Amino acid sequence: MKIETIKRVFVWKGTQLPDPNPTGNLEAVRDALSHAHPEIANAAIDGPATGKDGVHTYTFVASVGTKG
């Protein structure tokens, strides 16, 4: 039996971001990526969408709301 790791790609505003921790859960990845992209900290995660090559693509979706 062979265990294969599923490759993940994260997208923020049309830009592909590498997976900083392939074994981490999605929340841990969001926390890690939010250091470079602070808006990701409050974004929802949409996906995965699976491509022909088997790569799982997750998209960060900005939260829409009003202040106050």
PDB file of N, CA and C in Angstrom:
ATOM      1  N   MET A   1       0.848  -1.171   0.000  1.00  0.00           N
ATOM      2  CA  MET A   1       0.000   0.000   0.000  1.00  0.00           C
ATOM      3  C   MET A   1       0.891   1.231   0.000  1.00  0.00           C
ATOM      4  N   LYS A   2       0.566   2.191  -0.851  1.00  0.00           N
ATOM      5  CA  LYS A   2       1.336   3.417  -0.956  1.00  0.00           C
ATOM      6  C   LYS A   2       0.458   4.595  -0.549  1.00  0.00           C
ATOM      7  N   ILE A   3       0.977   5.410   0.335  1.00  0.00           N
ATOM      8  CA  ILE A   3       0.252   6.597   0.784  1.00  0.00           C
ATOM      9  C   ILE A   3       0.777   7.787   0.002  1.00  0.00           C
ATOM     10  N   GLU A   4      -0.125   8.499  -0.653  1.00  0.00           N
ATOM     11  CA  GLU A   4       0.254   9.679  -1.401  1.00  0.00           C
ATOM     12  C   GLU A   4      -0.353  10.913  -0.759  1.00  0.00           C
ATOM     13  N   THR A   5       0.426  11.976  -0.699  1.00  0.00           N
ATOM     14  CA  THR A   5      -0.054  13.240  -0.157  1.00  0.00           C
ATOM     15  C   THR A   5      -0.739  14.014  -1.273  1.00  0.00           C
ATOM     16  N   ILE A   6      -1.911  14.529  -0.984  1.00  0.00           N
ATOM     17  CA  ILE A   6      -2.642  15.329  -1.964  1.00  0.00           C
ATOM     18  C   ILE A   6      -2.039  16.723  -1.983  1.00  0.00           C
ATOM     19  N   LYS A   7      -1.698  17.178  -3.183  1.00  0.00           N
ATOM     20  CA  LYS A   7      -1.138  18.523  -3.312  1.00  0.00           C
ATOM     21  C   LYS A   7      -2.269  19.539  -3.182  1.00  0.00           C
ATOM     22  N   ARG A   8      -2.032  20.587  -2.377  1.00  0.00           N
ATOM     23  CA  ARG A   8      -3.015  21.644  -2.186  1.00  0.00           C
ATOM     24  C   ARG A   8      -2.449  22.963  -2.669  1.00  0.00           C
ATOM     25  N   VAL A   9      -3.327  23.766  -3.251  1.00  0.00           N
ATOM     26  CA  VAL A   9      -2.978  25.110  -3.680  1.00  0.00           C
ATOM     27  C   VAL A   9      -4.024  26.038  -3.094  1.00  0.00           C
ATOM     28  N   PHE A  10      -3.585  27.193  -2.633  1.00  0.00           N
ATOM     29  CA  PHE A  10      -4.493  28.176  -2.061  1.00  0.00           C
ATOM     30  C   PHE A  10      -4.485  29.414  -2.944  1.00  0.00           C
ATOM     31  N   VAL A  11      -5.672  29.998  -3.144  1.00  0.00           N
ATOM     32  CA  VAL A  11      -5.802  31.157  -4.021  1.00  0.00           C
ATOM     33  C   VAL A  11      -6.390  32.316  -3.225  1.00  0.00           C
ATOM     34  N   TRP A  12      -5.742  33.477  -3.366  1.00  0.00           N
ATOM     35  CA  TRP A  12      -6.233  34.703  -2.736  1.00  0.00           C
ATOM     36  C   TRP A  12      -6.195  35.803  -3.781  1.00  0.00           C
ATOM     37  N   LYS A  13      -7.358  36.339  -4.113  1.00  0.00           N
ATOM     38  CA  LYS A  13      -7.498  37.420  -5.089  1.00  0.00           C
ATOM     39  C   LYS A  13      -6.793  37.094  -6.406  1.00  0.00           C
ATOM     40  N   GLY A  14      -6.974  35.860  -6.861  1.00  0.00           N
ATOM     41  CA  GLY A  14      -6.427  35.438  -8.140  1.00  0.00           C
ATOM     42  C   GLY A  14      -4.968  35.012  -8.114  1.00  0.00           C
ATOM     43  N   THR A  15      -4.320  35.085  -6.970  1.00  0.00           N
ATOM     44  CA  THR A  15      -2.912  34.714  -6.847  1.00  0.00           C
ATOM     45  C   THR A  15      -2.792  33.360  -6.160  1.00  0.00           C
ATOM     46  N   GLN A  16      -2.043  32.453  -6.783  1.00  0.00           N
ATOM     47  CA  GLN A  16      -1.806  31.153  -6.168  1.00  0.00           C
ATOM     48  C   GLN A  16      -0.758  31.289  -5.078  1.00  0.00           C
ATOM     49  N   LEU A  17      -1.073  30.717  -3.926  1.00  0.00           N
ATOM     50  CA  LEU A  17      -0.155  30.731  -2.792  1.00  0.00           C
ATOM     51  C   LEU A  17       0.254  29.296  -2.496  1.00  0.00           C
ATOM     52  N   PRO A  18       1.523  29.040  -2.229  1.00  0.00           N
ATOM     53  CA  PRO A  18       1.960  27.680  -1.917  1.00  0.00           C
ATOM     54  C   PRO A  18       1.427  27.232  -0.562  1.00  0.00           C
ATOM     55  N   ASP A  19       1.337  25.937  -0.404  1.00  0.00           N
ATOM     56  CA  ASP A  19       0.880  25.351   0.853  1.00  0.00           C
ATOM     57  C   ASP A  19       2.026  25.418   1.861  1.00  0.00           C
ATOM     58  N   PRO A  20       1.911  26.243   2.912  1.00  0.00           N
ATOM     59  CA  PRO A  20       3.012  26.380   3.867  1.00  0.00           C
ATOM     60  C   PRO A  20       3.189  25.163   4.772  1.00  0.00           C
ATOM     61  N   ASN A  21       2.156  24.341   4.876  1.00  0.00           N
ATOM     62  CA  ASN A  21       2.222  23.170   5.751  1.00  0.00           C
ATOM     63  C   ASN A  21       1.319  22.083   5.184  1.00  0.00           C
ATOM     64  N   PRO A  22       1.842  21.235   4.279  1.00  0.00           N
ATOM     65  CA  PRO A  22       1.012  20.220   3.623  1.00  0.00           C
ATOM     66  C   PRO A  22       0.306  19.256   4.579  1.00  0.00           C
ATOM     67  N   THR A  23       0.798  19.108   5.793  1.00  0.00           N
ATOM     68  CA  THR A  23       0.147  18.201   6.732  1.00  0.00           C
ATOM     69  C   THR A  23      -0.776  18.932   7.699  1.00  0.00           C
ATOM     70  N   GLY A  24      -0.795  20.260   7.640  1.00  0.00           N
ATOM     71  CA  GLY A  24      -1.623  21.048   8.555  1.00  0.00           C
ATOM     72  C   GLY A  24      -3.068  21.133   8.106  1.00  0.00           C
ATOM     73  N   ASN A  25      -3.948  21.432   9.044  1.00  0.00           N
ATOM     74  CA  ASN A  25      -5.354  21.618   8.683  1.00  0.00           C
ATOM     75  C   ASN A  25      -5.538  22.987   8.043  1.00  0.00           C
ATOM     76  N   LEU A  26      -6.703  23.229   7.492  1.00  0.00           N
ATOM     77  CA  LEU A  26      -6.950  24.458   6.739  1.00  0.00           C
ATOM     78  C   LEU A  26      -6.835  25.705   7.600  1.00  0.00           C
ATOM     79  N   GLU A  27      -7.252  25.617   8.842  1.00  0.00           N
ATOM     80  CA  GLU A  27      -7.161  26.781   9.727  1.00  0.00           C
ATOM     81  C   GLU A  27      -5.710  27.139  10.025  1.00  0.00           C
ATOM     82  N   ALA A  28      -4.860  26.122  10.186  1.00  0.00           N
ATOM     83  CA  ALA A  28      -3.435  26.377  10.429  1.00  0.00           C
ATOM     84  C   ALA A  28      -2.788  27.016   9.210  1.00  0.00           C
ATOM     85  N   VAL A  29      -3.202  26.582   8.016  1.00  0.00           N
ATOM     86  CA  VAL A  29      -2.684  27.178   6.787  1.00  0.00           C
ATOM     87  C   VAL A  29      -3.134  28.634   6.687  1.00  0.00           C
ATOM     88  N   ARG A  30      -4.415  28.898   6.999  1.00  0.00           N
ATOM     89  CA  ARG A  30      -4.914  30.276   6.961  1.00  0.00           C
ATOM     90  C   ARG A  30      -4.125  31.158   7.928  1.00  0.00           C
ATOM     91  N   ASP A  31      -3.854  30.652   9.119  1.00  0.00           N
ATOM     92  CA  ASP A  31      -3.081  31.416  10.099  1.00  0.00           C
ATOM     93  C   ASP A  31      -1.677  31.716   9.580  1.00  0.00           C
ATOM     94  N   ALA A  32      -1.039  30.730   8.960  1.00  0.00           N
ATOM     95  CA  ALA A  32       0.320  30.919   8.453  1.00  0.00           C
ATOM     96  C   ALA A  32       0.341  31.928   7.306  1.00  0.00           C
ATOM     97  N   LEU A  33      -0.618  31.833   6.392  1.00  0.00           N
ATOM     98  CA  LEU A  33      -0.649  32.734   5.244  1.00  0.00           C
ATOM     99  C   LEU A  33      -1.090  34.142   5.625  1.00  0.00           C
ATOM    100  N   SER A  34      -1.796  34.291   6.732  1.00  0.00           N
ATOM    101  CA  SER A  34      -2.280  35.612   7.122  1.00  0.00           C
ATOM    102  C   SER A  34      -1.154  36.534   7.589  1.00  0.00           C
ATOM    103  N   HIS A  35       0.021  35.988   7.858  1.00  0.00           N
ATOM    104  CA  HIS A  35       1.163  36.841   8.228  1.00  0.00           C
ATOM    105  C   HIS A  35       1.584  37.697   7.032  1.00  0.00           C
ATOM    106  N   ALA A  36       1.540  37.124   5.835  1.00  0.00           N
ATOM    107  CA  ALA A  36       1.906  37.869   4.630  1.00  0.00           C
ATOM    108  C   ALA A  36       0.713  38.592   4.017  1.00  0.00           C
ATOM    109  N   HIS A  37      -0.488  38.053   4.248  1.00  0.00           N
ATOM    110  CA  HIS A  37      -1.718  38.617   3.682  1.00  0.00           C
ATOM    111  C   HIS A  37      -2.742  38.750   4.819  1.00  0.00           C
ATOM    112  N   PRO A  38      -2.723  39.832   5.590  1.00  0.00           N
ATOM    113  CA  PRO A  38      -3.567  39.972   6.778  1.00  0.00           C
ATOM    114  C   PRO A  38      -5.061  39.801   6.513  1.00  0.00           C
ATOM    115  N   GLU A  39      -5.528  40.131   5.299  1.00  0.00           N
ATOM    116  CA  GLU A  39      -6.953  40.022   4.999  1.00  0.00           C
ATOM    117  C   GLU A  39      -7.443  38.572   5.048  1.00  0.00           C
ATOM    118  N   ILE A  40      -6.529  37.624   4.889  1.00  0.00           N
ATOM    119  CA  ILE A  40      -6.891  36.207   4.893  1.00  0.00           C
ATOM    120  C   ILE A  40      -7.372  35.766   6.274  1.00  0.00           C
ATOM    121  N   ALA A  41      -6.940  36.435   7.323  1.00  0.00           N
ATOM    122  CA  ALA A  41      -7.279  36.028   8.687  1.00  0.00           C
ATOM    123  C   ALA A  41      -8.785  35.925   8.905  1.00  0.00           C
ATOM    124  N   ASN A  42      -9.575  36.764   8.240  1.00  0.00           N
ATOM    125  CA  ASN A  42     -11.026  36.749   8.404  1.00  0.00           C
ATOM    126  C   ASN A  42     -11.757  36.171   7.203  1.00  0.00           C
ATOM    127  N   ALA A  43     -11.023  35.627   6.258  1.00  0.00           N
ATOM    128  CA  ALA A  43     -11.636  35.099   5.042  1.00  0.00           C
ATOM    129  C   ALA A  43     -12.170  33.687   5.257  1.00  0.00           C
ATOM    130  N   ALA A  44     -13.221  33.360   4.519  1.00  0.00           N
ATOM    131  CA  ALA A  44     -13.748  32.000   4.511  1.00  0.00           C
ATOM    132  C   ALA A  44     -12.930  31.180   3.514  1.00  0.00           C
ATOM    133  N   ILE A  45     -12.925  29.862   3.699  1.00  0.00           N
ATOM    134  CA  ILE A  45     -12.194  28.977   2.802  1.00  0.00           C
ATOM    135  C   ILE A  45     -13.210  28.207   1.967  1.00  0.00           C
ATOM    136  N   ASP A  46     -13.125  28.369   0.651  1.00  0.00           N
ATOM    137  CA  ASP A  46     -14.025  27.694  -0.278  1.00  0.00           C
ATOM    138  C   ASP A  46     -13.261  26.569  -0.966  1.00  0.00           C
ATOM    139  N   GLY A  47     -13.848  25.393  -0.998  1.00  0.00           N
ATOM    140  CA  GLY A  47     -13.205  24.289  -1.715  1.00  0.00           C
ATOM    141  C   GLY A  47     -13.199  23.033  -0.891  1.00  0.00           C
ATOM    142  N   PRO A  48     -12.598  22.025  -1.407  1.00  0.00           N
ATOM    143  CA  PRO A  48     -11.638  22.042  -2.494  1.00  0.00           C
ATOM    144  C   PRO A  48     -12.290  21.817  -3.858  1.00  0.00           C
ATOM    145  N   ALA A  49     -11.680  22.412  -4.862  1.00  0.00           N
ATOM    146  CA  ALA A  49     -11.997  22.099  -6.246  1.00  0.00           C
ATOM    147  C   ALA A  49     -10.844  21.232  -6.730  1.00  0.00           C
ATOM    148  N   THR A  50     -11.170  20.100  -7.332  1.00  0.00           N
ATOM    149  CA  THR A  50     -10.132  19.177  -7.761  1.00  0.00           C
ATOM    150  C   THR A  50      -9.914  19.293  -9.256  1.00  0.00           C
ATOM    151  N   GLY A  51      -8.674  19.553  -9.654  1.00  0.00           N
ATOM    152  CA  GLY A  51      -8.322  19.681 -11.058  1.00  0.00           C
ATOM    153  C   GLY A  51      -8.013  18.333 -11.677  1.00  0.00           C
ATOM    154  N   LYS A  52      -7.760  18.331 -12.975  1.00  0.00           N
ATOM    155  CA  LYS A  52      -7.448  17.096 -13.693  1.00  0.00           C
ATOM    156  C   LYS A  52      -6.204  16.423 -13.144  1.00  0.00           C
ATOM    157  N   ASP A  53      -5.283  17.220 -12.641  1.00  0.00           N
ATOM    158  CA  ASP A  53      -4.028  16.682 -12.124  1.00  0.00           C
ATOM    159  C   ASP A  53      -4.134  16.216 -10.672  1.00  0.00           C
ATOM    160  N   GLY A  54      -5.329  16.282 -10.093  1.00  0.00           N
ATOM    161  CA  GLY A  54      -5.551  15.821  -8.732  1.00  0.00           C
ATOM    162  C   GLY A  54      -5.207  16.833  -7.661  1.00  0.00           C
ATOM    163  N   VAL A  55      -4.822  18.031  -8.057  1.00  0.00           N
ATOM    164  CA  VAL A  55      -4.489  19.076  -7.090  1.00  0.00           C
ATOM    165  C   VAL A  55      -5.780  19.663  -6.523  1.00  0.00           C
ATOM    166  N   HIS A  56      -5.826  19.798  -5.222  1.00  0.00           N
ATOM    167  CA  HIS A  56      -6.984  20.405  -4.563  1.00  0.00           C
ATOM    168  C   HIS A  56      -6.729  21.905  -4.439  1.00  0.00           C
ATOM    169  N   THR A  57      -7.658  22.689  -4.968  1.00  0.00           N
ATOM    170  CA  THR A  57      -7.529  24.145  -4.917  1.00  0.00           C
ATOM    171  C   THR A  57      -8.549  24.708  -3.940  1.00  0.00           C
ATOM    172  N   TYR A  58      -8.052  25.459  -2.974  1.00  0.00           N
ATOM    173  CA  TYR A  58      -8.882  26.132  -1.990  1.00  0.00           C
ATOM    174  C   TYR A  58      -8.793  27.631  -2.260  1.00  0.00           C
ATOM    175  N   THR A  59      -9.930  28.303  -2.196  1.00  0.00           N
ATOM    176  CA  THR A  59      -9.964  29.734  -2.448  1.00  0.00           C
ATOM    177  C   THR A  59     -10.381  30.465  -1.181  1.00  0.00           C
ATOM    178  N   PHE A  60      -9.615  31.485  -0.821  1.00  0.00           N
ATOM    179  CA  PHE A  60      -9.985  32.335   0.305  1.00  0.00           C
ATOM    180  C   PHE A  60     -10.962  33.367  -0.199  1.00  0.00           C
ATOM    181  N   VAL A  61     -12.105  33.489   0.473  1.00  0.00           N
ATOM    182  CA  VAL A  61     -13.157  34.413   0.074  1.00  0.00           C
ATOM    183  C   VAL A  61     -13.298  35.466   1.170  1.00  0.00           C
ATOM    184  N   ALA A  62     -13.138  36.718   0.791  1.00  0.00           N
ATOM    185  CA  ALA A  62     -13.212  37.802   1.754  1.00  0.00           C
ATOM    186  C   ALA A  62     -14.606  37.858   2.387  1.00  0.00           C
ATOM    187  N   SER A  63     -14.633  38.067   3.679  1.00  0.00           N
ATOM    188  CA  SER A  63     -15.895  38.212   4.390  1.00  0.00           C
ATOM    189  C   SER A  63     -16.476  39.585   4.078  1.00  0.00           C
ATOM    190  N   VAL A  64     -17.765  39.592   3.751  1.00  0.00           N
ATOM    191  CA  VAL A  64     -18.431  40.855   3.429  1.00  0.00           C
ATOM    192  C   VAL A  64     -19.326  41.212   4.604  1.00  0.00           C
ATOM    193  N   GLY A  65     -19.208  42.426   5.050  1.00  0.00           N
ATOM    194  CA  GLY A  65     -20.029  42.858   6.174  1.00  0.00           C
ATOM    195  C   GLY A  65     -19.853  44.358   6.382  1.00  0.00           C
ATOM    196  N   THR A  66     -20.552  44.846   7.380  1.00  0.00           N
ATOM    197  CA  THR A  66     -20.440  46.266   7.697  1.00  0.00           C
ATOM    198  C   THR A  66     -19.875  46.414   9.090  1.00  0.00           C
ATOM    199  N   LYS A  67     -19.177  47.491   9.302  1.00  0.00           N
ATOM    200  CA  LYS A  67     -18.645  47.773  10.626  1.00  0.00           C
ATOM    201  C   LYS A  67     -19.701  48.461  11.469  1.00  0.00           C
ATOM    202  N   GLY A  68     -19.622  48.209  12.753  1.00  0.00           N
ATOM    203  CA  GLY A  68     -20.491  48.949  13.652  1.00  0.00           C
ATOM    204  C   GLY A  68     -21.607  48.197  14.073  1.00  0.00           C
TER     205      GLY A  68
END
